[in-house]
Protein backbone atom coordinates (compact mmCIF):
# COMPACT_ATOMS: atom_id res chain seq x y z
CA LYS A 1 76.41 127.81 95.90
CA ARG A 2 76.57 125.21 93.13
CA LYS A 3 79.23 127.16 91.22
CA GLN A 4 81.37 127.30 94.35
CA ARG A 5 81.20 123.50 94.60
CA THR A 6 82.14 123.25 90.91
CA PHE A 7 85.17 125.45 91.55
CA ALA A 8 86.12 123.42 94.64
CA ASN A 9 85.82 120.17 92.70
CA GLY A 10 88.32 121.46 90.15
CA HIS A 11 90.71 122.47 92.91
CA GLU A 12 90.57 118.97 94.37
CA ASN A 13 91.18 117.03 91.16
CA ILE A 14 92.92 119.05 88.48
CA PRO A 15 96.29 119.82 90.18
CA PHE A 16 96.89 116.13 90.89
CA HIS A 17 95.96 115.20 87.33
CA VAL A 18 98.17 117.91 85.84
CA ALA A 19 101.08 116.53 87.88
CA ILE A 20 100.43 113.05 86.49
CA PHE A 21 100.28 114.33 82.93
CA GLY A 22 103.42 116.43 83.48
CA ILE A 23 105.45 113.51 84.82
CA ALA A 24 104.19 111.30 81.99
CA TYR A 25 105.31 113.84 79.40
CA ILE A 26 108.74 114.18 81.01
CA ILE A 27 109.19 110.41 80.88
CA GLN A 28 107.87 110.40 77.33
CA ALA A 29 110.24 113.15 76.20
CA THR A 30 113.16 111.25 77.68
CA LEU A 31 112.05 108.05 75.97
CA ASN A 32 111.60 109.80 72.63
CA GLY A 33 115.29 110.75 72.76
CA GLN A 34 116.15 107.11 72.19
CA PRO A 35 115.98 105.63 68.70
CA ASN A 36 112.81 103.69 67.84
CA LYS A 37 111.23 104.21 71.25
CA GLY A 38 108.01 105.81 72.44
CA LYS A 39 106.33 106.84 69.17
CA HIS A 40 103.03 105.04 69.77
CA SER A 41 102.80 106.03 73.39
CA THR A 42 103.31 109.68 72.41
CA THR A 43 100.15 109.49 70.31
CA ALA A 44 98.29 107.74 73.12
CA LEU A 45 99.34 110.42 75.65
CA ILE A 46 98.25 113.23 73.35
CA PHE A 47 94.91 111.47 72.86
CA ALA A 48 94.49 110.97 76.63
CA PHE A 49 95.28 114.60 77.38
CA ILE A 50 92.88 115.97 74.75
CA VAL A 51 90.04 113.67 75.81
CA TYR A 52 90.72 114.44 79.50
CA THR A 53 90.63 118.20 78.85
CA LEU A 54 87.40 118.03 76.85
CA CYS A 55 85.76 115.78 79.46
CA ARG A 56 86.74 118.08 82.33
CA ILE A 57 85.38 121.14 80.50
CA MET A 58 82.11 119.40 79.71
CA PHE A 59 81.99 117.92 83.23
CA THR A 60 82.27 121.41 84.72
CA VAL A 61 79.35 122.63 82.60
CA CYS A 62 77.27 119.57 83.52
CA TYR A 63 78.17 120.00 87.20
CA ALA A 64 77.20 123.67 87.16
CA TYR A 65 73.81 122.95 85.58
CA SER A 66 73.18 119.61 87.35
CA LEU A 67 72.97 117.57 84.17
CA GLN A 68 72.82 113.92 85.10
CA PRO A 69 73.90 111.28 83.98
CA PHE A 70 76.25 113.19 81.68
CA ARG A 71 78.18 114.60 84.61
CA SER A 72 78.95 111.13 85.96
CA ILE A 73 79.83 109.72 82.55
CA LEU A 74 82.24 112.57 81.84
CA PHE A 75 83.82 112.24 85.27
CA VAL A 76 84.42 108.51 84.79
CA LEU A 77 85.79 109.09 81.29
CA SER A 78 88.22 111.74 82.55
CA GLN A 79 89.35 109.39 85.33
CA MET A 80 89.89 106.65 82.75
CA MET A 81 92.18 108.98 80.80
CA VAL A 82 94.21 109.61 83.95
CA MET A 83 94.47 105.86 84.54
CA MET A 84 95.48 105.36 80.92
CA THR A 85 98.21 107.95 81.40
CA LEU A 86 99.48 106.17 84.53
CA ILE A 87 99.62 102.88 82.64
CA ILE A 88 101.48 104.48 79.71
CA MET A 89 103.86 106.17 82.16
CA CYS A 90 104.72 102.83 83.80
CA TRP A 91 105.04 101.14 80.41
CA ASP A 92 107.42 103.86 79.20
CA ALA A 93 109.51 103.69 82.36
CA PHE A 94 110.08 99.97 81.80
CA ASP A 95 110.66 100.49 78.05
CA TYR A 96 113.53 102.91 78.69
CA ASP A 97 117.00 101.56 77.81
CA TYR A 98 119.14 102.24 80.88
CA ASN A 99 122.24 100.60 79.36
CA ASP A 100 123.29 103.91 77.78
CA TYR A 101 124.14 105.34 81.20
């Protein structure tokens, strides 16, 4: 029963988060095509994605074996990485130079 809830939790959260990361990387790739733009935010996005992935893997293990408070800490940390990605995505959208088009 607990493993079914773990699986359901992943189905509720991960597709939405993957969409956010995907859109952020599309914006980032577009921004990186401009000279002197987006280098630091590329590193921050890579960091956010790696930390998010590790937190979700460890969260799933903690969820399956009911390990508290680690489960909650990892969940909050993964959510913080998603929020960081949203902030970077907005920052990059406003940093884009639209005068070329």
